[in-house]
C-alpha atoms as a PDB file:
ATOM      1  CA  MET A   1      73.974 163.587 170.778  1.00  0.00           C
ATOM      2  CA  ASN A   2      75.109 166.512 172.964  1.00  0.00           C
ATOM      3  CA  LYS A   3      77.190 164.094 175.012  1.00  0.00           C
ATOM      4  CA  ILE A   4      78.620 162.603 171.824  1.00  0.00           C
ATOM      5  CA  GLU A   5      79.505 166.058 170.492  1.00  0.00           C
ATOM      6  CA  THR A   6      81.409 166.919 173.693  1.00  0.00           C
ATOM      7  CA  LEU A   7      83.329 163.643 173.641  1.00  0.00           C
ATOM      8  CA  TYR A   8      83.992 163.927 169.906  1.00  0.00           C
ATOM      9  CA  LYS A   9      85.449 167.431 170.286  1.00  0.00           C
ATOM     10  CA  GLU A  10      87.725 166.190 173.052  1.00  0.00           C
ATOM     11  CA  TRP A  11      88.751 163.244 170.843  1.00  0.00           C
ATOM     12  CA  LEU A  12      89.532 165.571 167.921  1.00  0.00           C
ATOM     13  CA  SER A  13      91.555 167.865 170.195  1.00  0.00           C
ATOM     14  CA  LEU A  14      93.954 164.954 170.794  1.00  0.00           C
ATOM     15  CA  GLN A  15      94.504 164.354 167.071  1.00  0.00           C
ATOM     16  CA  PRO A  16      96.845 163.472 165.555  1.00  0.00           C
ATOM     17  CA  LEU A  17      97.634 160.827 168.156  1.00  0.00           C
ATOM     18  CA  LYS A  18     101.189 159.990 169.051  1.00  0.00           C
ATOM     19  CA  GLU A  19     102.312 156.920 167.120  1.00  0.00           C
ATOM     20  CA  VAL A  20     102.558 154.826 170.279  1.00  0.00           C
ATOM     21  CA  ASP A  21      99.005 155.751 171.303  1.00  0.00           C
ATOM     22  CA  ARG A  22      97.624 155.151 167.828  1.00  0.00           C
ATOM     23  CA  ASN A  23      99.279 151.726 167.696  1.00  0.00           C
ATOM     24  CA  ARG A  24      97.912 150.785 171.117  1.00  0.00           C
ATOM     25  CA  LEU A  25      94.341 151.733 170.240  1.00  0.00           C
ATOM     26  CA  ASN A  26      94.555 150.126 166.784  1.00  0.00           C
ATOM     27  CA  GLN A  27      95.776 146.860 168.260  1.00  0.00           C
ATOM     28  CA  LYS A  28      93.086 146.852 170.928  1.00  0.00           C
ATOM     29  CA  PHE A  29      90.359 147.510 168.329  1.00  0.00           C
ATOM     30  CA  MET A  30      91.765 144.955 165.888  1.00  0.00           C
ATOM     31  CA  LEU A  31      91.513 142.154 168.430  1.00  0.00           C
ATOM     32  CA  GLU A  32      88.115 143.130 169.802  1.00  0.00           C
ATOM     33  CA  PHE A  33      86.506 143.761 166.416  1.00  0.00           C
ATOM     34  CA  ASN A  34      87.789 140.608 164.722  1.00  0.00           C
ATOM     35  CA  TYR A  35      86.778 138.404 167.633  1.00  0.00           C
ATOM     36  CA  ASN A  36      83.327 139.870 168.253  1.00  0.00           C
ATOM     37  CA  SER A  37      82.202 140.407 164.653  1.00  0.00           C
ATOM     38  CA  ASN A  38      83.047 136.798 163.793  1.00  0.00           C
ATOM     39  CA  HIS A  39      81.749 135.371 167.067  1.00  0.00           C
ATOM     40  CA  ILE A  40      78.357 136.990 166.429  1.00  0.00           C
ATOM     41  CA  GLU A  41      78.169 134.868 163.258  1.00  0.00           C
ATOM     42  CA  GLY A  42      79.140 131.605 164.962  1.00  0.00           C
ATOM     43  CA  ASN A  43      82.954 131.530 164.818  1.00  0.00           C
ATOM     44  CA  THR A  44      84.081 129.274 167.678  1.00  0.00           C
ATOM     45  CA  LEU A  45      87.487 130.809 168.436  1.00  0.00           C
ATOM     46  CA  THR A  46      87.740 132.272 171.926  1.00  0.00           C
ATOM     47  CA  TYR A  47      89.097 135.763 172.480  1.00  0.00           C
ATOM     48  CA  GLY A  48      92.346 134.236 173.712  1.00  0.00           C
ATOM     49  CA  GLN A  49      92.643 132.017 170.635  1.00  0.00           C
ATOM     50  CA  THR A  50      91.968 135.028 168.420  1.00  0.00           C
ATOM     51  CA  GLU A  51      94.732 136.937 170.176  1.00  0.00           C
ATOM     52  CA  MET A  52      97.188 134.037 169.845  1.00  0.00           C
ATOM     53  CA  LEU A  53      96.425 133.802 166.133  1.00  0.00           C
ATOM     54  CA  LEU A  54      96.520 137.494 165.199  1.00  0.00           C
ATOM     55  CA  LEU A  55      99.337 138.631 167.489  1.00  0.00           C
ATOM     56  CA  PHE A  56     101.573 135.580 167.683  1.00  0.00           C
ATOM     57  CA  GLY A  57     100.620 133.589 164.588  1.00  0.00           C
ATOM     58  CA  LYS A  58      99.921 130.585 166.814  1.00  0.00           C
ATOM     59  CA  SER A  59      96.883 128.307 166.795  1.00  0.00           C
ATOM     60  CA  VAL A  60      95.622 126.317 169.766  1.00  0.00           C
ATOM     61  CA  ASP A  61      95.369 122.582 169.094  1.00  0.00           C
ATOM     62  CA  ASP A  62      91.591 122.346 169.493  1.00  0.00           C
ATOM     63  CA  ALA A  63      90.879 125.386 167.295  1.00  0.00           C
ATOM     64  CA  ASN A  64      88.696 124.767 164.247  1.00  0.00           C
ATOM     65  CA  MET A  65      90.744 125.189 161.037  1.00  0.00           C
ATOM     66  CA  LYS A  66      87.870 126.803 159.127  1.00  0.00           C
ATOM     67  CA  ASP A  67      87.386 129.331 161.938  1.00  0.00           C
ATOM     68  CA  LEU A  68      91.109 130.089 162.015  1.00  0.00           C
ATOM     69  CA  GLU A  69      91.163 130.823 158.282  1.00  0.00           C
ATOM     70  CA  GLU A  70      87.968 132.874 158.596  1.00  0.00           C
ATOM     71  CA  MET A  71      89.494 134.985 161.364  1.00  0.00           C
ATOM     72  CA  LYS A  72      92.682 135.639 159.405  1.00  0.00           C
ATOM     73  CA  ALA A  73      90.699 136.605 156.302  1.00  0.00           C
ATOM     74  CA  HIS A  74      88.493 138.934 158.341  1.00  0.00           C
ATOM     75  CA  ASN A  75      91.573 140.711 159.673  1.00  0.00           C
ATOM     76  CA  VAL A  76      92.789 141.233 156.097  1.00  0.00           C
ATOM     77  CA  GLY A  77      89.356 142.646 155.252  1.00  0.00           C
ATOM     78  CA  LEU A  78      89.563 145.019 158.215  1.00  0.00           C
ATOM     79  CA  LYS A  79      92.906 146.340 157.002  1.00  0.00           C
ATOM     80  CA  MET A  80      91.509 146.752 153.477  1.00  0.00           C
ATOM     81  CA  MET A  81      88.587 148.735 154.837  1.00  0.00           C
ATOM     82  CA  GLN A  82      90.819 151.020 156.898  1.00  0.00           C
ATOM     83  CA  VAL A  83      93.079 151.780 153.941  1.00  0.00           C
ATOM     84  CA  GLU A  84      90.069 152.525 151.733  1.00  0.00           C
ATOM     85  CA  ALA A  85      88.378 154.711 154.354  1.00  0.00           C
ATOM     86  CA  LEU A  86      91.439 156.904 154.795  1.00  0.00           C
ATOM     87  CA  GLU A  87      91.500 157.726 151.068  1.00  0.00           C
ATOM     88  CA  LYS A  88      88.855 160.359 151.649  1.00  0.00           C
ATOM     89  CA  ASP A  89      88.766 161.688 148.092  1.00  0.00           C
ATOM     90  CA  LYS A  90      87.860 158.227 146.842  1.00  0.00           C
ATOM     91  CA  PRO A  91      84.134 157.387 146.714  1.00  0.00           C
ATOM     92  CA  LEU A  92      82.674 154.124 147.962  1.00  0.00           C
ATOM     93  CA  THR A  93      81.977 151.670 145.140  1.00  0.00           C
ATOM     94  CA  GLY A  94      80.062 148.461 144.696  1.00  0.00           C
ATOM     95  CA  THR A  95      83.256 146.950 143.323  1.00  0.00           C
ATOM     96  CA  PHE A  96      85.054 147.575 146.606  1.00  0.00           C
ATOM     97  CA  ILE A  97      82.189 146.003 148.581  1.00  0.00           C
ATOM     98  CA  ARG A  98      82.392 142.879 146.407  1.00  0.00           C
ATOM     99  CA  GLN A  99      86.191 142.802 146.777  1.00  0.00           C
ATOM    100  CA  LEU A 100      85.763 143.019 150.547  1.00  0.00           C
ATOM    101  CA  HIS A 101      83.347 140.088 150.413  1.00  0.00           C
ATOM    102  CA  GLN A 102      85.782 138.114 148.254  1.00  0.00           C
ATOM    103  CA  THR A 103      88.491 138.723 150.856  1.00  0.00           C
ATOM    104  CA  LEU A 104      86.321 137.576 153.765  1.00  0.00           C
ATOM    105  CA  LEU A 105      85.002 134.399 152.126  1.00  0.00           C
ATOM    106  CA  ARG A 106      88.239 133.647 150.201  1.00  0.00           C
ATOM    107  CA  GLU A 107      86.612 131.210 147.747  1.00  0.00           C
ATOM    108  CA  ASP A 108      83.320 129.685 146.637  1.00  0.00           C
ATOM    109  CA  TYR A 109      82.006 126.828 148.754  1.00  0.00           C
ATOM    110  CA  THR A 110      79.017 124.496 148.839  1.00  0.00           C
ATOM    111  CA  VAL A 111      76.471 124.466 151.643  1.00  0.00           C
ATOM    112  CA  TYR A 112      74.552 121.242 152.286  1.00  0.00           C
ATOM    113  CA  ARG A 113      71.179 121.419 154.048  1.00  0.00           C
ATOM    114  CA  GLN A 114      68.428 119.039 155.049  1.00  0.00           C
ATOM    115  CA  LEU A 115      64.911 120.333 154.382  1.00  0.00           C
ATOM    116  CA  PRO A 116      62.025 119.878 156.865  1.00  0.00           C
ATOM    117  CA  ASP A 117      60.699 116.952 154.788  1.00  0.00           C
ATOM    118  CA  GLY A 118      64.004 115.123 155.178  1.00  0.00           C
ATOM    119  CA  THR A 119      65.334 115.642 151.658  1.00  0.00           C
ATOM    120  CA  ASN A 120      68.822 117.014 151.162  1.00  0.00           C
ATOM    121  CA  THR A 121      69.719 120.070 149.131  1.00  0.00           C
ATOM    122  CA  SER A 122      72.819 122.114 148.419  1.00  0.00           C
ATOM    123  CA  TYR A 123      73.815 125.455 146.978  1.00  0.00           C
ATOM    124  CA  VAL A 124      77.033 127.308 146.179  1.00  0.00           C
ATOM    125  CA  VAL A 125      78.031 130.446 148.072  1.00  0.00           C
ATOM    126  CA  HIS A 126      79.870 132.729 145.654  1.00  0.00           C
ATOM    127  CA  ALA A 127      82.699 134.832 147.095  1.00  0.00           C
ATOM    128  CA  GLY A 128      82.627 138.397 145.805  1.00  0.00           C
ATOM    129  CA  GLN A 129      79.357 138.004 143.893  1.00  0.00           C
ATOM    130  CA  TYR A 130      75.852 139.086 144.755  1.00  0.00           C
ATOM    131  CA  LYS A 131      73.425 136.315 145.692  1.00  0.00           C
ATOM    132  CA  THR A 132      71.931 134.052 143.058  1.00  0.00           C
ATOM    133  CA  ARG A 133      69.163 132.624 145.265  1.00  0.00           C
ATOM    134  CA  PRO A 134      66.641 134.228 147.635  1.00  0.00           C
ATOM    135  CA  ASN A 135      67.629 134.568 151.287  1.00  0.00           C
ATOM    136  CA  SER A 136      65.567 135.079 154.420  1.00  0.00           C
ATOM    137  CA  VAL A 137      65.747 134.862 158.192  1.00  0.00           C
ATOM    138  CA  LYS A 138      63.417 133.571 160.877  1.00  0.00           C
ATOM    139  CA  THR A 139      62.633 136.410 163.282  1.00  0.00           C
ATOM    140  CA  ILE A 140      62.452 136.188 167.074  1.00  0.00           C
ATOM    141  CA  THR A 141      58.672 135.845 166.671  1.00  0.00           C
ATOM    142  CA  GLY A 142      59.069 132.833 164.373  1.00  0.00           C
ATOM    143  CA  GLU A 143      58.098 134.621 161.156  1.00  0.00           C
ATOM    144  CA  VAL A 144      60.093 134.267 157.933  1.00  0.00           C
ATOM    145  CA  PHE A 145      61.495 137.649 156.899  1.00  0.00           C
ATOM    146  CA  GLU A 146      62.495 137.968 153.245  1.00  0.00           C
ATOM    147  CA  TYR A 147      65.391 140.087 152.002  1.00  0.00           C
ATOM    148  CA  ALA A 148      65.732 141.622 148.536  1.00  0.00           C
ATOM    149  CA  SER A 149      65.470 139.179 145.641  1.00  0.00           C
ATOM    150  CA  PRO A 150      68.557 138.281 143.571  1.00  0.00           C
ATOM    151  CA  GLU A 151      67.012 140.126 140.618  1.00  0.00           C
ATOM    152  CA  GLU A 152      66.568 143.453 142.441  1.00  0.00           C
ATOM    153  CA  THR A 153      69.793 143.295 144.495  1.00  0.00           C
ATOM    154  CA  PRO A 154      72.242 144.861 141.960  1.00  0.00           C
ATOM    155  CA  ALA A 155      70.028 147.917 141.438  1.00  0.00           C
ATOM    156  CA  LEU A 156      69.345 148.346 145.150  1.00  0.00           C
ATOM    157  CA  MET A 157      73.068 148.133 145.941  1.00  0.00           C
ATOM    158  CA  THR A 158      73.837 150.691 143.241  1.00  0.00           C
ATOM    159  CA  ASP A 159      71.219 152.997 144.759  1.00  0.00           C
ATOM    160  CA  LEU A 160      72.639 152.477 148.270  1.00  0.00           C
ATOM    161  CA  VAL A 161      76.191 153.334 147.232  1.00  0.00           C
ATOM    162  CA  GLU A 162      75.026 156.378 145.231  1.00  0.00           C
ATOM    163  CA  TRP A 163      72.931 157.576 148.177  1.00  0.00           C
ATOM    164  CA  TYR A 164      75.914 157.325 150.531  1.00  0.00           C
ATOM    165  CA  ASN A 165      78.295 159.132 148.173  1.00  0.00           C
ATOM    166  CA  GLU A 166      75.768 161.971 147.867  1.00  0.00           C
ATOM    167  CA  ALA A 167      74.714 162.091 151.537  1.00  0.00           C
ATOM    168  CA  GLU A 168      78.212 162.275 152.976  1.00  0.00           C
ATOM    169  CA  PRO A 169      79.303 165.624 151.448  1.00  0.00           C
ATOM    170  CA  GLU A 170      75.822 167.129 151.931  1.00  0.00           C
ATOM    171  CA  SER A 171      76.267 166.868 155.725  1.00  0.00           C
ATOM    172  CA  LYS A 172      72.498 166.950 156.283  1.00  0.00           C
ATOM    173  CA  LEU A 173      72.854 163.874 158.453  1.00  0.00           C
ATOM    174  CA  LEU A 174      75.380 163.323 161.220  1.00  0.00           C
ATOM    175  CA  PRO A 175      78.078 160.723 160.459  1.00  0.00           C
ATOM    176  CA  ILE A 176      76.634 158.387 163.117  1.00  0.00           C
ATOM    177  CA  GLU A 177      73.204 158.684 161.486  1.00  0.00           C
ATOM    178  CA  ILE A 178      74.644 157.941 158.040  1.00  0.00           C
ATOM    179  CA  ALA A 179      76.548 154.941 159.402  1.00  0.00           C
ATOM    180  CA  ALA A 180      73.465 153.516 161.142  1.00  0.00           C
ATOM    181  CA  LEU A 181      71.203 154.126 158.152  1.00  0.00           C
ATOM    182  CA  PHE A 182      73.696 152.566 155.731  1.00  0.00           C
ATOM    183  CA  HIS A 183      74.012 149.489 157.965  1.00  0.00           C
ATOM    184  CA  TYR A 184      70.237 149.091 158.217  1.00  0.00           C
ATOM    185  CA  ARG A 185      69.559 149.564 154.498  1.00  0.00           C
ATOM    186  CA  TYR A 186      72.387 147.179 153.606  1.00  0.00           C
ATOM    187  CA  ILE A 187      71.073 144.465 155.917  1.00  0.00           C
ATOM    188  CA  ARG A 188      67.575 144.780 154.418  1.00  0.00           C
ATOM    189  CA  ILE A 189      69.105 144.112 150.983  1.00  0.00           C
ATOM    190  CA  HIS A 190      71.324 141.262 152.270  1.00  0.00           C
ATOM    191  CA  PRO A 191      73.187 141.258 148.956  1.00  0.00           C
ATOM    192  CA  PHE A 192      75.346 138.182 149.523  1.00  0.00           C
ATOM    193  CA  GLU A 193      74.558 134.571 150.379  1.00  0.00           C
ATOM    194  CA  ASP A 194      76.842 134.712 153.419  1.00  0.00           C
ATOM    195  CA  GLY A 195      78.918 137.285 155.301  1.00  0.00           C
ATOM    196  CA  ASN A 196      76.360 140.112 155.248  1.00  0.00           C
ATOM    197  CA  GLY A 197      76.575 140.930 158.968  1.00  0.00           C
ATOM    198  CA  ARG A 198      80.356 141.128 158.916  1.00  0.00           C
ATOM    199  CA  ILE A 199      80.332 143.327 155.788  1.00  0.00           C
ATOM    200  CA  ALA A 200      77.673 145.613 157.329  1.00  0.00           C
ATOM    201  CA  ARG A 201      79.781 146.171 160.460  1.00  0.00           C
ATOM    202  CA  LEU A 202      82.922 146.779 158.392  1.00  0.00           C
ATOM    203  CA  LEU A 203      81.172 149.364 156.194  1.00  0.00           C
ATOM    204  CA  MET A 204      79.576 151.074 159.179  1.00  0.00           C
ATOM    205  CA  ASN A 205      83.069 151.528 160.629  1.00  0.00           C
ATOM    206  CA  TYR A 206      84.313 152.644 157.212  1.00  0.00           C
ATOM    207  CA  ILE A 207      81.908 155.593 157.485  1.00  0.00           C
ATOM    208  CA  LEU A 208      82.832 156.409 161.090  1.00  0.00           C
ATOM    209  CA  LEU A 209      86.548 156.277 160.301  1.00  0.00           C
ATOM    210  CA  ARG A 210      86.148 158.633 157.341  1.00  0.00           C
ATOM    211  CA  HIS A 211      84.735 161.183 159.798  1.00  0.00           C
ATOM    212  CA  ASN A 212      87.539 160.677 162.344  1.00  0.00           C
ATOM    213  CA  TYR A 213      85.393 158.812 164.871  1.00  0.00           C
ATOM    214  CA  PRO A 214      86.886 155.827 166.668  1.00  0.00           C
ATOM    215  CA  MET A 215      85.541 152.630 165.138  1.00  0.00           C
ATOM    216  CA  ILE A 216      83.099 150.617 167.235  1.00  0.00           C
ATOM    217  CA  VAL A 217      82.762 147.003 168.288  1.00  0.00           C
ATOM    218  CA  ILE A 218      79.353 145.330 168.545  1.00  0.00           C
ATOM    219  CA  LYS A 219      79.999 142.873 171.351  1.00  0.00           C
ATOM    220  CA  SER A 220      79.051 139.261 170.807  1.00  0.00           C
ATOM    221  CA  LYS A 221      77.451 139.170 174.247  1.00  0.00           C
ATOM    222  CA  ASP A 222      75.288 142.133 173.186  1.00  0.00           C
ATOM    223  CA  LYS A 223      73.970 140.328 170.094  1.00  0.00           C
ATOM    224  CA  PRO A 224      70.385 140.094 171.455  1.00  0.00           C
ATOM    225  CA  ASN A 225      70.208 143.888 171.917  1.00  0.00           C
ATOM    226  CA  TYR A 226      71.773 144.446 168.488  1.00  0.00           C
ATOM    227  CA  LEU A 227      69.218 142.211 166.765  1.00  0.00           C
ATOM    228  CA  THR A 228      66.351 143.615 168.820  1.00  0.00           C
ATOM    229  CA  ALA A 229      67.222 147.173 167.738  1.00  0.00           C
ATOM    230  CA  LEU A 230      67.176 146.065 164.098  1.00  0.00           C
ATOM    231  CA  HIS A 231      63.929 144.143 164.585  1.00  0.00           C
ATOM    232  CA  LYS A 232      62.165 147.173 166.096  1.00  0.00           C
ATOM    233  CA  CYS A 233      63.057 149.115 162.958  1.00  0.00           C
ATOM    234  CA  ASP A 234      61.754 146.305 160.747  1.00  0.00           C
ATOM    235  CA  ILE A 235      58.355 146.573 162.442  1.00  0.00           C
ATOM    236  CA  THR A 236      58.201 150.293 161.654  1.00  0.00           C
ATOM    237  CA  VAL A 237      59.588 150.042 158.116  1.00  0.00           C
ATOM    238  CA  GLY A 238      57.566 146.983 157.095  1.00  0.00           C
ATOM    239  CA  ALA A 239      58.427 143.720 155.403  1.00  0.00           C
ATOM    240  CA  VAL A 240      58.821 144.906 151.798  1.00  0.00           C
ATOM    241  CA  PRO A 241      62.575 144.625 150.975  1.00  0.00           C
ATOM    242  CA  SER A 242      62.670 147.718 148.760  1.00  0.00           C
ATOM    243  CA  ASP A 243      61.104 149.758 151.575  1.00  0.00           C
ATOM    244  CA  GLY A 244      63.850 148.555 153.885  1.00  0.00           C
ATOM    245  CA  ALA A 245      66.502 149.391 151.307  1.00  0.00           C
ATOM    246  CA  ASN A 246      65.166 152.953 151.209  1.00  0.00           C
ATOM    247  CA  ALA A 247      64.248 153.363 154.884  1.00  0.00           C
ATOM    248  CA  ALA A 248      64.165 156.881 156.279  1.00  0.00           C
ATOM    249  CA  LEU A 249      66.170 157.935 159.308  1.00  0.00           C
ATOM    250  CA  SER A 250      62.960 158.583 161.266  1.00  0.00           C
ATOM    251  CA  GLN A 251      61.995 154.931 160.807  1.00  0.00           C
ATOM    252  CA  ILE A 252      65.117 153.461 162.375  1.00  0.00           C
ATOM    253  CA  ILE A 253      65.433 155.496 165.582  1.00  0.00           C
ATOM    254  CA  PRO A 254      65.969 152.394 167.816  1.00  0.00           C
ATOM    255  CA  PHE A 255      69.005 151.373 165.746  1.00  0.00           C
ATOM    256  CA  VAL A 256      70.393 154.913 165.576  1.00  0.00           C
ATOM    257  CA  GLU A 257      70.145 155.093 169.369  1.00  0.00           C
ATOM    258  CA  TYR A 258      71.853 151.710 169.705  1.00  0.00           C
ATOM    259  CA  ILE A 259      74.773 152.719 167.469  1.00  0.00           C
ATOM    260  CA  THR A 260      75.014 156.123 169.160  1.00  0.00           C
ATOM    261  CA  GLN A 261      75.392 154.444 172.543  1.00  0.00           C
ATOM    262  CA  ASN A 262      78.169 152.238 171.166  1.00  0.00           C
ATOM    263  CA  VAL A 263      79.982 155.262 169.727  1.00  0.00           C
ATOM    264  CA  GLN A 264      79.706 157.042 173.069  1.00  0.00           C
ATOM    265  CA  THR A 265      81.114 154.024 174.907  1.00  0.00           C
ATOM    266  CA  GLU A 266      84.018 153.747 172.462  1.00  0.00           C
ATOM    267  CA  LEU A 267      84.816 157.456 172.751  1.00  0.00           C
ATOM    268  CA  GLU A 268      84.736 157.232 176.558  1.00  0.00           C
ATOM    269  CA  ASN A 269      87.002 154.168 176.599  1.00  0.00           C
ATOM    270  CA  CYS A 270      89.511 155.635 174.134  1.00  0.00           C
ATOM    271  CA  LEU A 271      89.709 158.894 176.077  1.00  0.00           C
ATOM    272  CA  LYS A 272      90.069 156.993 179.333  1.00  0.00           C
ATOM    273  CA  ILE A 273      93.003 155.044 177.934  1.00  0.00           C
ATOM    274  CA  LEU A 274      94.678 158.112 176.440  1.00  0.00           C
ATOM    275  CA  LYS A 275      94.315 160.072 179.683  1.00  0.00           C
ATOM    276  CA  SER A 276      95.500 157.241 181.933  1.00  0.00           C
ATOM    277  CA  GLY A 277      99.086 158.511 181.686  1.00  0.00           C
ATOM    278  CA  THR A 278     101.402 156.442 183.863  1.00  0.00           C
ATOM    279  CA  ILE A 279      98.516 154.777 185.713  1.00  0.00           C
ATOM    280  CA  ARG A 280      98.557 151.094 184.774  1.00  0.00           C
ATOM    281  CA  LYS A 281      95.161 149.728 183.775  1.00  0.00           C
ATOM    282  CA  TRP A 282      94.299 146.366 182.264  1.00  0.00           C
ATOM    283  CA  TRP A 283      91.666 145.619 179.605  1.00  0.00           C
ATOM    284  CA  TYR A 284      90.343 142.372 178.140  1.00  0.00           C
ATOM    285  CA  ASN A 285      87.934 142.311 175.187  1.00  0.00           C
ATOM    286  CA  GLY A 286      86.842 145.890 175.810  1.00  0.00           C
ATOM    287  CA  GLU A 287      86.306 145.505 179.548  1.00  0.00           C
ATOM    288  CA  GLU A 288      88.520 147.095 182.187  1.00  0.00           C
ATOM    289  CA  ILE A 289      89.867 144.424 184.527  1.00  0.00           C
ATOM    290  CA  ASN A 290      90.416 145.166 188.214  1.00  0.00           C
ATOM    291  CA  PHE A 291      92.242 142.677 190.422  1.00  0.00           C
ATOM    292  CA  ASN A 292      91.169 142.212 194.032  1.00  0.00           C
ATOM    293  CA  ASN A 293      94.512 140.648 194.911  1.00  0.00           C
ATOM    294  CA  GLU A 294      97.496 142.956 194.376  1.00  0.00           C
ATOM    295  CA  ASN A 295      99.774 139.912 194.048  1.00  0.00           C
ATOM    296  CA  THR A 296      97.832 138.868 190.952  1.00  0.00           C
ATOM    297  CA  GLU A 297      98.609 142.141 189.208  1.00  0.00           C
ATOM    298  CA  LYS A 298     102.240 141.937 190.313  1.00  0.00           C
ATOM    299  CA  LEU A 299     102.445 138.421 188.844  1.00  0.00           C
ATOM    300  CA  ILE A 300     100.954 139.524 185.518  1.00  0.00           C
ATOM    301  CA  TYR A 301     103.190 142.571 185.308  1.00  0.00           C
ATOM    302  CA  MET A 302     106.284 140.431 185.916  1.00  0.00           C
ATOM    303  CA  MET A 303     105.271 138.156 183.054  1.00  0.00           C
ATOM    304  CA  TYR A 304     104.536 141.247 180.991  1.00  0.00           C
ATOM    305  CA  ASN A 305     108.044 142.598 181.446  1.00  0.00           C
ATOM    306  CA  ASN A 306     109.854 139.257 181.582  1.00  0.00           C
ATOM    307  CA  PRO A 307     108.072 136.568 179.524  1.00  0.00           C
ATOM    308  CA  THR A 308     110.665 133.930 180.502  1.00  0.00           C
ATOM    309  CA  ILE A 309     110.276 134.400 184.256  1.00  0.00           C
ATOM    310  CA  THR A 310     109.912 131.165 186.237  1.00  0.00           C
ATOM    311  CA  VAL A 311     107.464 130.235 188.975  1.00  0.00           C
ATOM    312  CA  ARG A 312     110.371 130.350 191.409  1.00  0.00           C
ATOM    313  CA  GLY A 313     111.340 133.808 190.196  1.00  0.00           C
ATOM    314  CA  ILE A 314     107.780 135.076 190.713  1.00  0.00           C
ATOM    315  CA  SER A 315     107.581 133.417 194.127  1.00  0.00           C
ATOM    316  CA  GLU A 316     110.790 135.036 195.329  1.00  0.00           C
ATOM    317  CA  ALA A 317     109.925 138.465 193.922  1.00  0.00           C
ATOM    318  CA  ILE A 318     106.412 138.603 195.374  1.00  0.00           C
ATOM    319  CA  GLY A 319     107.198 136.753 198.590  1.00  0.00           C
ATOM    320  CA  ILE A 320     104.571 133.995 198.362  1.00  0.00           C
ATOM    321  CA  ASN A 321     105.154 130.237 198.060  1.00  0.00           C
ATOM    322  CA  LYS A 322     105.338 128.465 194.713  1.00  0.00           C
ATOM    323  CA  SER A 323     102.068 126.560 195.171  1.00  0.00           C
ATOM    324  CA  ALA A 324     100.227 129.880 195.617  1.00  0.00           C
ATOM    325  CA  VAL A 325     101.872 131.212 192.458  1.00  0.00           C
ATOM    326  CA  GLN A 326     100.913 128.078 190.525  1.00  0.00           C
ATOM    327  CA  LYS A 327      97.308 128.361 191.739  1.00  0.00           C
ATOM    328  CA  GLN A 328      97.084 131.960 190.541  1.00  0.00           C
ATOM    329  CA  ILE A 329      98.641 131.007 187.202  1.00  0.00           C
ATOM    330  CA  ARG A 330      96.031 128.267 186.693  1.00  0.00           C
ATOM    331  CA  THR A 331      93.229 130.733 187.452  1.00  0.00           C
ATOM    332  CA  LEU A 332      94.639 133.298 185.016  1.00  0.00           C
ATOM    333  CA  GLN A 333      95.074 130.619 182.349  1.00  0.00           C
ATOM    334  CA  ASP A 334      91.477 129.483 182.791  1.00  0.00           C
ATOM    335  CA  LYS A 335      90.358 133.078 182.158  1.00  0.00           C
ATOM    336  CA  GLU A 336      92.738 133.231 179.153  1.00  0.00           C
ATOM    337  CA  TYR A 337      94.477 136.265 180.646  1.00  0.00           C
ATOM    338  CA  ILE A 338      97.830 134.520 180.173  1.00  0.00           C
ATOM    339  CA  LYS A 339      99.047 131.738 177.892  1.00  0.00           C
ATOM    340  CA  ARG A 340     102.190 129.681 177.615  1.00  0.00           C
ATOM    341  CA  ILE A 341     103.918 129.686 174.224  1.00  0.00           C
ATOM    342  CA  GLY A 342     106.438 126.950 173.502  1.00  0.00           C
ATOM    343  CA  GLY A 343     105.689 124.466 176.285  1.00  0.00           C
ATOM    344  CA  THR A 344     107.137 124.388 179.797  1.00  0.00           C
ATOM    345  CA  LYS A 345     110.386 125.985 178.663  1.00  0.00           C
ATOM    346  CA  GLY A 346     108.652 128.591 176.519  1.00  0.00           C
ATOM    347  CA  LYS A 347     107.489 132.128 177.223  1.00  0.00           C
ATOM    348  CA  TRP A 348     104.504 133.694 178.905  1.00  0.00           C
ATOM    349  CA  ALA A 349     102.109 135.685 176.747  1.00  0.00           C
ATOM    350  CA  VAL A 350      99.995 138.198 178.623  1.00  0.00           C
ATOM    351  CA  MET A 351      96.709 138.497 176.754  1.00  0.00           C
ATOM    352  CA  LEU A 352      95.560 141.642 178.552  1.00  0.00           C
ATOM    353  CA  PHE A 353      95.851 145.118 177.086  1.00  0.00           C
ATOM    354  CA  CYS A 354      97.918 147.413 179.319  1.00  0.00           C
ATOM    355  CA  THR A 355      97.468 151.197 179.111  1.00  0.00           C
ATOM    356  CA  THR A 356     101.074 151.919 180.029  1.00  0.00           C
ATOM    357  CA  ALA A 357     102.717 149.500 177.601  1.00  0.00           C
ATOM    358  CA  LYS A 358     104.388 150.975 174.546  1.00  0.00           C
ATOM    359  CA  GLY A 359     102.904 148.487 172.124  1.00  0.00           C
ATOM    360  CA  GLY A 360      99.702 147.416 173.808  1.00  0.00           C
ATOM    361  CA  THR A 361      99.429 143.690 174.435  1.00  0.00           C
ATOM    362  CA  ILE A 362     102.720 141.828 174.555  1.00  0.00           C
END
């Protein structure tokens, strides 16, 4: 926490950010958060497809339509959350949480399942309404872990919202501790039939944003560590849903530590970007990208500044033959660092985030 406090003070000293810097960081977070939070829950869009959709309004031919609509709705939900969080005199309400859920799911839909005995069953997932049937999860040890019942969910959610609205102005807990504890208690209630993980991560960032922290991204590739941190807390708290919904901070130390580490990483990355000045650095899905071949970076930067540049133009400018340029382009396309929009006569889209660009990703 001492490290966090130092980084946080440095972050606050740079506020308010210049508009260009704020836009760059917002765009970077928007792409990373939407992709990772949905990918954790099984969305099949790649990071590159997510970027094409949210920045260019384009969909790749093999992209799943349901996943495309889900990603767009999640981005709307993110914007809703940010607007709500910045109205700091306005308390959190259960109504807003249900509206956020309605936005993410868009509409009711039916889920069809086959039971272990071979019989088929179905149930309706209600957008914007608390669950009407019990829900559970199978843990990493194979046990069935029950969440709060439909009957007790409304009262537990009311208690959770009231606790947060009282705890925030009291300042007895650090904002990171409140955010982690809210996330954990919410997940133990699991108030909706679907979308609970995405809502939990949105509301956790709602709390961080209200306290002027940079919002965090739980990486899809880090899902095992994320779930393990939650599971360790479950062992300490116990299996009774109401106990989970009222867990104490001392019972969820593994998750607090996990979220704290993510906040520290986000603070370090944001400060690194803001202090980069005129030094050009490239990022992709939260990772800094370094190129071993200087010609590769030259090629990308040419596309960055001139999206209509031809292979011949790149070849002549860099001083390497066209076949070498085409080989590098294929490699970059395979990594989804660049994409072609509009066919062979279209434009290049550089999918990397550049620290020296005025608007972030082109």
